[in-house]
Amino acid sequence: MMRVVVAPPYGKTKRFAKARTKPGGPIEYFARLLEADDRMRGRVLDVGCGPDYPEPQPMRDVLAQCAQLDGVDPDPAVENHPHLALRWCSEFADAEIPRAAYDAVMTYNVVEHIKQPRPFLENVFDVLRPGGVFYAFTPHALHPFAMLSGAVQQIGLRDGWRRLSKQKVNPYPAYYRLNSAQAVLRAGRDLSFTQLTCHYLPSPQWQAYFPAPLRILPAMYDHLLGLRLQRCAAVLAIQLEKAES
């Protein structure tokens, strides 16, 4: 049975105080988490890698330390990725990626777009070596941002919301089906993953997705819950361990 662990509070405070003064905090935390894992210095597969390293510099620094970085993405722009040893322009499920070949698999703002969680985790399991690890940085499915984003998409108002908030919005759908501890447990049932560690990270920057007159609403949520309680945080970092044998 998979063990579930909740990581200590972000910033070593019960109220996530650093999130108020350090906008890049969650990304930096995730980068430090990856940097501390020796498996991220081995052979790593970036799922949904796009045409280059992720934009945040801490993530770029971590991926630059991989002994070999491979990537898979259905966007033809992956062919221009300058840092990949091997690349597949394909959906993850359809790519002929070698099995049991990777020390680590990672995704950055990708798993919220996974429509079928179980096949996805089966593929992650297959390509990982025994003792390998899967990392994901994603919006937390139980946070209002994910709920509102899903609702806006379902009723066809995504483009209008983008214009009102003046924020970049991904053109592909988000399903939020692999973005909570419960969802990972369901999708990974009977696979030989031994431990799921959940890192709950606050991110007040979700206020930017609201039109200016409405930003008081996410600010109130953060004041009451989002910056105080881990499980109400905006971001979830997943660390999923594969059994040694």
C-alpha atoms as a PDB file:
ATOM      1  CA  MET A   1       0.000   0.000   0.000  1.00  0.00           C
ATOM      2  CA  MET A   2       1.239   3.457  -0.892  1.00  0.00           C
ATOM      3  CA  ARG A   3       2.237   5.589   2.089  1.00  0.00           C
ATOM      4  CA  VAL A   4       1.115   9.236   2.077  1.00  0.00           C
ATOM      5  CA  VAL A   5       3.301  11.893   3.694  1.00  0.00           C
ATOM      6  CA  VAL A   6       2.559  15.612   4.008  1.00  0.00           C
ATOM      7  CA  ALA A   7       5.773  17.621   3.899  1.00  0.00           C
ATOM      8  CA  PRO A   8       6.456  20.158   6.675  1.00  0.00           C
ATOM      9  CA  PRO A   9       4.848  23.579   6.178  1.00  0.00           C
ATOM     10  CA  TYR A  10       6.405  25.759   3.526  1.00  0.00           C
ATOM     11  CA  GLY A  11       8.809  28.280   4.974  1.00  0.00           C
ATOM     12  CA  LYS A  12       8.793  26.383   8.323  1.00  0.00           C
ATOM     13  CA  THR A  13       5.864  28.504   9.515  1.00  0.00           C
ATOM     14  CA  LYS A  14       2.262  27.529  10.031  1.00  0.00           C
ATOM     15  CA  ARG A  15       1.043  30.557   8.107  1.00  0.00           C
ATOM     16  CA  PHE A  16       3.334  30.296   5.073  1.00  0.00           C
ATOM     17  CA  ALA A  17       4.624  33.792   5.907  1.00  0.00           C
ATOM     18  CA  LYS A  18       7.317  33.823   3.216  1.00  0.00           C
ATOM     19  CA  ALA A  19       4.682  33.626   0.493  1.00  0.00           C
ATOM     20  CA  ARG A  20       3.572  37.160   1.324  1.00  0.00           C
ATOM     21  CA  THR A  21       6.949  38.715   0.554  1.00  0.00           C
ATOM     22  CA  LYS A  22       8.553  36.276  -1.881  1.00  0.00           C
ATOM     23  CA  PRO A  23       6.537  35.896  -5.120  1.00  0.00           C
ATOM     24  CA  GLY A  24       8.840  33.242  -6.582  1.00  0.00           C
ATOM     25  CA  GLY A  25       8.760  31.181  -3.435  1.00  0.00           C
ATOM     26  CA  PRO A  26       6.815  28.080  -4.588  1.00  0.00           C
ATOM     27  CA  ILE A  27       8.925  27.668  -7.724  1.00  0.00           C
ATOM     28  CA  GLU A  28      12.139  28.147  -5.772  1.00  0.00           C
ATOM     29  CA  TYR A  29      10.950  25.599  -3.213  1.00  0.00           C
ATOM     30  CA  PHE A  30      10.238  23.068  -5.961  1.00  0.00           C
ATOM     31  CA  ALA A  31      13.611  23.699  -7.582  1.00  0.00           C
ATOM     32  CA  ARG A  32      15.386  23.161  -4.252  1.00  0.00           C
ATOM     33  CA  LEU A  33      13.424  19.949  -3.755  1.00  0.00           C
ATOM     34  CA  LEU A  34      14.624  18.633  -7.113  1.00  0.00           C
ATOM     35  CA  GLU A  35      18.161  19.869  -6.568  1.00  0.00           C
ATOM     36  CA  ALA A  36      18.417  17.959  -3.289  1.00  0.00           C
ATOM     37  CA  ASP A  37      17.559  14.651  -5.004  1.00  0.00           C
ATOM     38  CA  ASP A  38      20.572  12.918  -6.586  1.00  0.00           C
ATOM     39  CA  ARG A  39      18.247  11.146  -9.019  1.00  0.00           C
ATOM     40  CA  MET A  40      17.707  14.501 -10.723  1.00  0.00           C
ATOM     41  CA  ARG A  41      21.393  14.423 -11.642  1.00  0.00           C
ATOM     42  CA  GLY A  42      20.949  11.147 -13.502  1.00  0.00           C
ATOM     43  CA  ARG A  43      18.846  10.412 -16.559  1.00  0.00           C
ATOM     44  CA  VAL A  44      15.661  12.488 -16.440  1.00  0.00           C
ATOM     45  CA  LEU A  45      12.541  12.577 -18.619  1.00  0.00           C
ATOM     46  CA  ASP A  46      10.655  15.889 -18.873  1.00  0.00           C
ATOM     47  CA  VAL A  47       7.033  15.163 -19.848  1.00  0.00           C
ATOM     48  CA  GLY A  48       5.374  18.098 -21.584  1.00  0.00           C
ATOM     49  CA  CYS A  49       8.741  19.805 -21.897  1.00  0.00           C
ATOM     50  CA  GLY A  50       7.890  22.298 -24.636  1.00  0.00           C
ATOM     51  CA  PRO A  51      10.601  23.975 -26.762  1.00  0.00           C
ATOM     52  CA  ASP A  52      13.077  24.792 -23.957  1.00  0.00           C
ATOM     53  CA  TYR A  53      13.686  24.675 -20.220  1.00  0.00           C
ATOM     54  CA  PRO A  54      10.836  26.121 -18.120  1.00  0.00           C
ATOM     55  CA  GLU A  55      11.091  29.898 -17.954  1.00  0.00           C
ATOM     56  CA  PRO A  56      11.849  30.311 -14.209  1.00  0.00           C
ATOM     57  CA  GLN A  57      15.606  30.440 -13.698  1.00  0.00           C
ATOM     58  CA  PRO A  58      15.616  28.083 -10.672  1.00  0.00           C
ATOM     59  CA  MET A  59      14.068  25.359 -12.836  1.00  0.00           C
ATOM     60  CA  ARG A  60      16.541  25.993 -15.634  1.00  0.00           C
ATOM     61  CA  ASP A  61      19.437  25.651 -13.197  1.00  0.00           C
ATOM     62  CA  VAL A  62      18.150  22.307 -11.888  1.00  0.00           C
ATOM     63  CA  LEU A  63      17.583  20.759 -15.313  1.00  0.00           C
ATOM     64  CA  ALA A  64      20.995  21.909 -16.499  1.00  0.00           C
ATOM     65  CA  GLN A  65      22.509  19.531 -13.913  1.00  0.00           C
ATOM     66  CA  CYS A  66      20.932  16.369 -15.367  1.00  0.00           C
ATOM     67  CA  ALA A  67      23.441  13.867 -16.748  1.00  0.00           C
ATOM     68  CA  GLN A  68      20.953  13.284 -19.587  1.00  0.00           C
ATOM     69  CA  LEU A  69      17.706  15.116 -20.172  1.00  0.00           C
ATOM     70  CA  ASP A  70      15.148  13.627 -22.566  1.00  0.00           C
ATOM     71  CA  GLY A  71      11.738  15.064 -23.356  1.00  0.00           C
ATOM     72  CA  VAL A  72       8.326  14.272 -24.789  1.00  0.00           C
ATOM     73  CA  ASP A  73       5.700  16.754 -25.982  1.00  0.00           C
ATOM     74  CA  PRO A  74       3.036  16.651 -28.738  1.00  0.00           C
ATOM     75  CA  ASP A  75       3.969  20.183 -29.823  1.00  0.00           C
ATOM     76  CA  PRO A  76       6.327  20.120 -32.850  1.00  0.00           C
ATOM     77  CA  ALA A  77       8.309  22.892 -31.112  1.00  0.00           C
ATOM     78  CA  VAL A  78       9.932  20.139 -29.023  1.00  0.00           C
ATOM     79  CA  GLU A  79      12.133  19.429 -32.043  1.00  0.00           C
ATOM     80  CA  ASN A  80      13.872  22.765 -31.388  1.00  0.00           C
ATOM     81  CA  HIS A  81      14.535  22.132 -27.702  1.00  0.00           C
ATOM     82  CA  PRO A  82      18.277  22.840 -27.369  1.00  0.00           C
ATOM     83  CA  HIS A  83      18.963  20.768 -24.249  1.00  0.00           C
ATOM     84  CA  LEU A  84      17.458  17.341 -24.968  1.00  0.00           C
ATOM     85  CA  ALA A  85      19.493  14.249 -25.757  1.00  0.00           C
ATOM     86  CA  LEU A  86      16.419  12.335 -26.974  1.00  0.00           C
ATOM     87  CA  ARG A  87      13.038  13.781 -27.868  1.00  0.00           C
ATOM     88  CA  TRP A  88       9.625  12.460 -28.874  1.00  0.00           C
ATOM     89  CA  CYS A  89       7.093  14.682 -30.627  1.00  0.00           C
ATOM     90  CA  SER A  90       4.135  12.697 -29.403  1.00  0.00           C
ATOM     91  CA  GLU A  91       1.660  12.191 -26.625  1.00  0.00           C
ATOM     92  CA  PHE A  92       3.368  10.491 -23.698  1.00  0.00           C
ATOM     93  CA  ALA A  93       1.235   7.359 -24.080  1.00  0.00           C
ATOM     94  CA  ASP A  94       2.165   6.961 -27.753  1.00  0.00           C
ATOM     95  CA  ALA A  95       5.902   7.630 -27.524  1.00  0.00           C
ATOM     96  CA  GLU A  96       8.315   4.717 -27.823  1.00  0.00           C
ATOM     97  CA  ILE A  97      10.221   5.689 -24.680  1.00  0.00           C
ATOM     98  CA  PRO A  98      12.564   3.038 -23.268  1.00  0.00           C
ATOM     99  CA  ARG A  99      11.200   1.230 -20.237  1.00  0.00           C
ATOM    100  CA  ALA A 100      12.898   1.263 -16.822  1.00  0.00           C
ATOM    101  CA  ALA A 101      15.421   3.786 -18.194  1.00  0.00           C
ATOM    102  CA  TYR A 102      14.952   6.908 -16.042  1.00  0.00           C
ATOM    103  CA  ASP A 103      16.083   7.885 -12.573  1.00  0.00           C
ATOM    104  CA  ALA A 104      13.427  10.605 -12.495  1.00  0.00           C
ATOM    105  CA  VAL A 105      10.401  11.800 -14.454  1.00  0.00           C
ATOM    106  CA  MET A 106       9.271  15.383 -13.946  1.00  0.00           C
ATOM    107  CA  THR A 107       6.521  17.713 -15.107  1.00  0.00           C
ATOM    108  CA  TYR A 108       6.088  21.436 -14.589  1.00  0.00           C
ATOM    109  CA  ASN A 109       2.514  22.751 -14.854  1.00  0.00           C
ATOM    110  CA  VAL A 110       1.489  19.750 -16.942  1.00  0.00           C
ATOM    111  CA  VAL A 111      -0.502  17.198 -14.921  1.00  0.00           C
ATOM    112  CA  GLU A 112      -3.498  19.537 -14.674  1.00  0.00           C
ATOM    113  CA  HIS A 113      -3.921  18.857 -18.421  1.00  0.00           C
ATOM    114  CA  ILE A 114      -3.934  15.054 -18.082  1.00  0.00           C
ATOM    115  CA  LYS A 115      -7.317  13.684 -19.133  1.00  0.00           C
ATOM    116  CA  GLN A 116      -6.723  10.042 -18.155  1.00  0.00           C
ATOM    117  CA  PRO A 117      -4.725   9.819 -14.902  1.00  0.00           C
ATOM    118  CA  ARG A 118      -4.382   6.039 -14.635  1.00  0.00           C
ATOM    119  CA  PRO A 119      -2.738   5.469 -18.064  1.00  0.00           C
ATOM    120  CA  PHE A 120      -0.488   8.444 -17.404  1.00  0.00           C
ATOM    121  CA  LEU A 121       0.810   7.037 -14.109  1.00  0.00           C
ATOM    122  CA  GLU A 122       1.177   3.600 -15.687  1.00  0.00           C
ATOM    123  CA  ASN A 123       3.480   5.154 -18.281  1.00  0.00           C
ATOM    124  CA  VAL A 124       5.418   7.015 -15.590  1.00  0.00           C
ATOM    125  CA  PHE A 125       5.843   3.759 -13.689  1.00  0.00           C
ATOM    126  CA  ASP A 126       6.990   1.884 -16.791  1.00  0.00           C
ATOM    127  CA  VAL A 127       9.740   4.330 -17.765  1.00  0.00           C
ATOM    128  CA  LEU A 128      11.140   4.736 -14.242  1.00  0.00           C
ATOM    129  CA  ARG A 129      13.921   2.535 -12.998  1.00  0.00           C
ATOM    130  CA  PRO A 130      13.340   0.678  -9.707  1.00  0.00           C
ATOM    131  CA  GLY A 131      13.802   3.257  -6.979  1.00  0.00           C
ATOM    132  CA  GLY A 132      13.027   6.119  -9.380  1.00  0.00           C
ATOM    133  CA  VAL A 133      10.894   9.157  -8.596  1.00  0.00           C
ATOM    134  CA  PHE A 134       8.169  11.215 -10.265  1.00  0.00           C
ATOM    135  CA  TYR A 135       7.932  14.946  -9.551  1.00  0.00           C
ATOM    136  CA  ALA A 136       5.110  17.292 -10.569  1.00  0.00           C
ATOM    137  CA  PHE A 137       4.439  20.980  -9.922  1.00  0.00           C
ATOM    138  CA  THR A 138       0.792  21.849 -10.487  1.00  0.00           C
ATOM    139  CA  PRO A 139      -2.182  23.894  -9.297  1.00  0.00           C
ATOM    140  CA  HIS A 140      -3.866  22.158  -6.363  1.00  0.00           C
ATOM    141  CA  ALA A 141      -7.200  20.697  -7.477  1.00  0.00           C
ATOM    142  CA  LEU A 142      -8.889  21.570  -4.170  1.00  0.00           C
ATOM    143  CA  HIS A 143      -7.974  25.266  -4.369  1.00  0.00           C
ATOM    144  CA  PRO A 144     -10.512  27.807  -5.715  1.00  0.00           C
ATOM    145  CA  PHE A 145      -8.206  28.708  -8.621  1.00  0.00           C
ATOM    146  CA  ALA A 146      -8.486  25.210 -10.085  1.00  0.00           C
ATOM    147  CA  MET A 147     -12.211  25.036  -9.397  1.00  0.00           C
ATOM    148  CA  LEU A 148     -12.891  28.421 -11.009  1.00  0.00           C
ATOM    149  CA  SER A 149     -10.589  27.713 -13.926  1.00  0.00           C
ATOM    150  CA  GLY A 150     -12.378  24.438 -14.629  1.00  0.00           C
ATOM    151  CA  ALA A 151     -15.795  26.087 -14.378  1.00  0.00           C
ATOM    152  CA  VAL A 152     -14.855  28.986 -16.671  1.00  0.00           C
ATOM    153  CA  GLN A 153     -13.545  26.490 -19.219  1.00  0.00           C
ATOM    154  CA  GLN A 154     -16.660  24.314 -19.031  1.00  0.00           C
ATOM    155  CA  ILE A 155     -19.039  27.182 -19.732  1.00  0.00           C
ATOM    156  CA  GLY A 156     -16.903  28.539 -22.559  1.00  0.00           C
ATOM    157  CA  LEU A 157     -15.781  31.799 -20.971  1.00  0.00           C
ATOM    158  CA  ARG A 158     -12.030  31.195 -20.883  1.00  0.00           C
ATOM    159  CA  ASP A 159     -11.167  33.679 -23.644  1.00  0.00           C
ATOM    160  CA  GLY A 160     -13.344  36.377 -22.113  1.00  0.00           C
ATOM    161  CA  TRP A 161     -11.801  35.824 -18.697  1.00  0.00           C
ATOM    162  CA  ARG A 162      -8.334  36.048 -20.243  1.00  0.00           C
ATOM    163  CA  ARG A 163      -9.167  39.436 -21.773  1.00  0.00           C
ATOM    164  CA  LEU A 164     -10.570  40.752 -18.501  1.00  0.00           C
ATOM    165  CA  SER A 165      -7.619  39.621 -16.395  1.00  0.00           C
ATOM    166  CA  LYS A 166      -5.009  40.357 -19.119  1.00  0.00           C
ATOM    167  CA  GLN A 167      -3.174  37.155 -18.174  1.00  0.00           C
ATOM    168  CA  LYS A 168      -1.802  34.472 -20.481  1.00  0.00           C
ATOM    169  CA  VAL A 169      -4.070  31.412 -20.557  1.00  0.00           C
ATOM    170  CA  ASN A 170      -3.086  28.058 -22.033  1.00  0.00           C
ATOM    171  CA  PRO A 171      -4.994  27.258 -25.246  1.00  0.00           C
ATOM    172  CA  TYR A 172      -5.373  23.563 -24.310  1.00  0.00           C
ATOM    173  CA  PRO A 173      -7.891  22.228 -21.790  1.00  0.00           C
ATOM    174  CA  ALA A 174      -7.200  21.647 -18.101  1.00  0.00           C
ATOM    175  CA  TYR A 175      -8.977  18.741 -16.394  1.00  0.00           C
ATOM    176  CA  TYR A 176      -7.549  18.843 -12.831  1.00  0.00           C
ATOM    177  CA  ARG A 177      -7.858  15.053 -12.491  1.00  0.00           C
ATOM    178  CA  LEU A 178      -4.384  14.316 -11.131  1.00  0.00           C
ATOM    179  CA  ASN A 179      -3.881  17.318  -8.864  1.00  0.00           C
ATOM    180  CA  SER A 180      -4.710  16.112  -5.370  1.00  0.00           C
ATOM    181  CA  ALA A 181      -3.428  13.416  -3.031  1.00  0.00           C
ATOM    182  CA  GLN A 182      -6.677  11.488  -3.428  1.00  0.00           C
ATOM    183  CA  ALA A 183      -6.448  11.590  -7.222  1.00  0.00           C
ATOM    184  CA  VAL A 184      -2.869  10.304  -7.228  1.00  0.00           C
ATOM    185  CA  LEU A 185      -3.795   7.500  -4.838  1.00  0.00           C
ATOM    186  CA  ARG A 186      -6.702   6.443  -7.041  1.00  0.00           C
ATOM    187  CA  ALA A 187      -4.692   6.551 -10.251  1.00  0.00           C
ATOM    188  CA  GLY A 188      -1.688   4.785  -8.727  1.00  0.00           C
ATOM    189  CA  ARG A 189      -3.609   2.012  -7.009  1.00  0.00           C
ATOM    190  CA  ASP A 190      -1.971  -1.417  -7.465  1.00  0.00           C
ATOM    191  CA  LEU A 191       1.133   0.083  -9.050  1.00  0.00           C
ATOM    192  CA  SER A 192       4.319  -0.451  -7.063  1.00  0.00           C
ATOM    193  CA  PHE A 193       4.688   3.109  -5.867  1.00  0.00           C
ATOM    194  CA  THR A 194       5.729   3.080  -2.229  1.00  0.00           C
ATOM    195  CA  GLN A 195       5.290   6.662  -1.054  1.00  0.00           C
ATOM    196  CA  LEU A 196       3.512   9.829  -2.092  1.00  0.00           C
ATOM    197  CA  THR A 197       4.836  13.024  -0.520  1.00  0.00           C
ATOM    198  CA  CYS A 198       2.633  16.092  -0.928  1.00  0.00           C
ATOM    199  CA  HIS A 199       4.193  19.541  -0.681  1.00  0.00           C
ATOM    200  CA  TYR A 200       1.497  22.207  -0.311  1.00  0.00           C
ATOM    201  CA  LEU A 201       2.735  25.620  -1.430  1.00  0.00           C
ATOM    202  CA  PRO A 202       0.961  28.996  -1.193  1.00  0.00           C
ATOM    203  CA  SER A 203       0.895  31.355  -4.160  1.00  0.00           C
ATOM    204  CA  PRO A 204      -0.869  34.713  -3.769  1.00  0.00           C
ATOM    205  CA  GLN A 205      -0.119  35.399  -7.443  1.00  0.00           C
ATOM    206  CA  TRP A 206      -3.406  33.732  -8.437  1.00  0.00           C
ATOM    207  CA  GLN A 207      -4.998  37.120  -7.712  1.00  0.00           C
ATOM    208  CA  ALA A 208      -3.579  38.346 -11.031  1.00  0.00           C
ATOM    209  CA  TYR A 209      -6.075  36.141 -12.911  1.00  0.00           C
ATOM    210  CA  PHE A 210      -8.976  38.206 -11.568  1.00  0.00           C
ATOM    211  CA  PRO A 211     -10.120  41.529 -13.022  1.00  0.00           C
ATOM    212  CA  ALA A 212      -8.860  44.320 -10.763  1.00  0.00           C
ATOM    213  CA  PRO A 213     -12.245  45.055  -9.097  1.00  0.00           C
ATOM    214  CA  LEU A 214     -12.566  41.392  -8.038  1.00  0.00           C
ATOM    215  CA  ARG A 215      -9.089  40.834  -6.619  1.00  0.00           C
ATOM    216  CA  ILE A 216     -10.385  41.459  -3.126  1.00  0.00           C
ATOM    217  CA  LEU A 217     -11.980  37.972  -3.304  1.00  0.00           C
ATOM    218  CA  PRO A 218      -8.768  35.908  -3.674  1.00  0.00           C
ATOM    219  CA  ALA A 219      -7.061  38.269  -1.217  1.00  0.00           C
ATOM    220  CA  MET A 220      -9.719  37.479   1.385  1.00  0.00           C
ATOM    221  CA  TYR A 221      -9.392  33.741   0.737  1.00  0.00           C
ATOM    222  CA  ASP A 222      -5.621  33.915   1.185  1.00  0.00           C
ATOM    223  CA  HIS A 223      -5.968  35.940   4.376  1.00  0.00           C
ATOM    224  CA  LEU A 224      -8.456  33.505   5.886  1.00  0.00           C
ATOM    225  CA  LEU A 225      -7.242  30.158   4.547  1.00  0.00           C
ATOM    226  CA  GLY A 226      -4.826  30.092   1.621  1.00  0.00           C
ATOM    227  CA  LEU A 227      -1.777  31.410   3.482  1.00  0.00           C
ATOM    228  CA  ARG A 228      -2.652  29.742   6.781  1.00  0.00           C
ATOM    229  CA  LEU A 229      -3.587  26.113   6.101  1.00  0.00           C
ATOM    230  CA  GLN A 230      -1.460  23.763   4.020  1.00  0.00           C
ATOM    231  CA  ARG A 231      -4.305  21.876   2.394  1.00  0.00           C
ATOM    232  CA  CYS A 232      -5.857  25.173   1.254  1.00  0.00           C
ATOM    233  CA  ALA A 233      -2.693  26.187  -0.602  1.00  0.00           C
ATOM    234  CA  ALA A 234      -2.740  27.062  -4.301  1.00  0.00           C
ATOM    235  CA  VAL A 235       0.073  24.771  -5.490  1.00  0.00           C
ATOM    236  CA  LEU A 236       0.738  21.065  -5.009  1.00  0.00           C
ATOM    237  CA  ALA A 237       4.164  19.560  -5.586  1.00  0.00           C
ATOM    238  CA  ILE A 238       3.984  15.774  -5.969  1.00  0.00           C
ATOM    239  CA  GLN A 239       6.865  13.441  -5.118  1.00  0.00           C
ATOM    240  CA  LEU A 240       6.019   9.831  -5.982  1.00  0.00           C
ATOM    241  CA  GLU A 241       8.502   7.042  -5.261  1.00  0.00           C
ATOM    242  CA  LYS A 242       8.753   3.796  -7.222  1.00  0.00           C
ATOM    243  CA  ALA A 243       9.646   0.627  -5.298  1.00  0.00           C
ATOM    244  CA  GLU A 244      13.255  -0.515  -5.375  1.00  0.00           C
ATOM    245  CA  SER A 245      12.261  -3.875  -6.850  1.00  0.00           C
END
